[in-house]
Amino acid sequence: MAFSAQRNVSKPEPSELKRDFGFFYETVAIDTERQNLTTLDPQLAQFVKPSDFFYVHDLTNRLHAFVQGSGVLDGTLVAQILHTSATLAVNELDEPMLLGDLARKLRFLAPKEEQYLHNGPLRTVNLCEEDTHCDRNADAHVKATLFGRPSVTLIVKDGRLVLGRWQKVALIEFDGPRHREVIFQLSGR
């Protein structure tokens, strides 16, 4: 079996080597809603159930602005959500019908009405005395674990965030409404 790969290796100019390597941070606060699928496309109303918690917040433009504002030409951008019942994802996340499909599939895989140990009397740790909602959200944790991850890593090249044609970066909420925080870290020169 033959394997071939093209490498795009360029030798840096001496002036490029003198650029300082730096780190840049930003924390973004997002107040989510229970769901926003019907706002994205009213046709989805017939597919949304009262038990659906599926809110999408597009971070793509915010990430582009963060990269441009930093002055970093080449590096790595990491975005990390600081919560466990929401996730970050990279996909075609501005297409409402696809989002409706994702919400419906996750409803099937982890229904809100399921009997979960996390929601029951056996649970004794990480209880939320000030917020009983979080003690009944096992489905949101399962969905966040199945769907995405707490962080995404993206390439910055020539001062621009590298994303494919249809790729968007979004926070997906499975337990809203909530106050969420996402931290960005950009490293490079």
Foldseek 3Di string as FASTA:
>chain_A
DDDDDDDDDDDDDPVVVPDDKDKDKDKDKDFWAQACLCVLPVVLPVLDDPQFRKYKDFCFVVVFVRLLVVPFAWWKKKKFWPDQLKAKDKDLPSDSVVSSVLSVVLCVVQPLPDDDPQLDDVDDPPQDPPDNLVSSRVSSNVSRVVPHHRMDMFIHHRSGTDDDPRITMIMIGGRDSDIIMMMMMIIHD
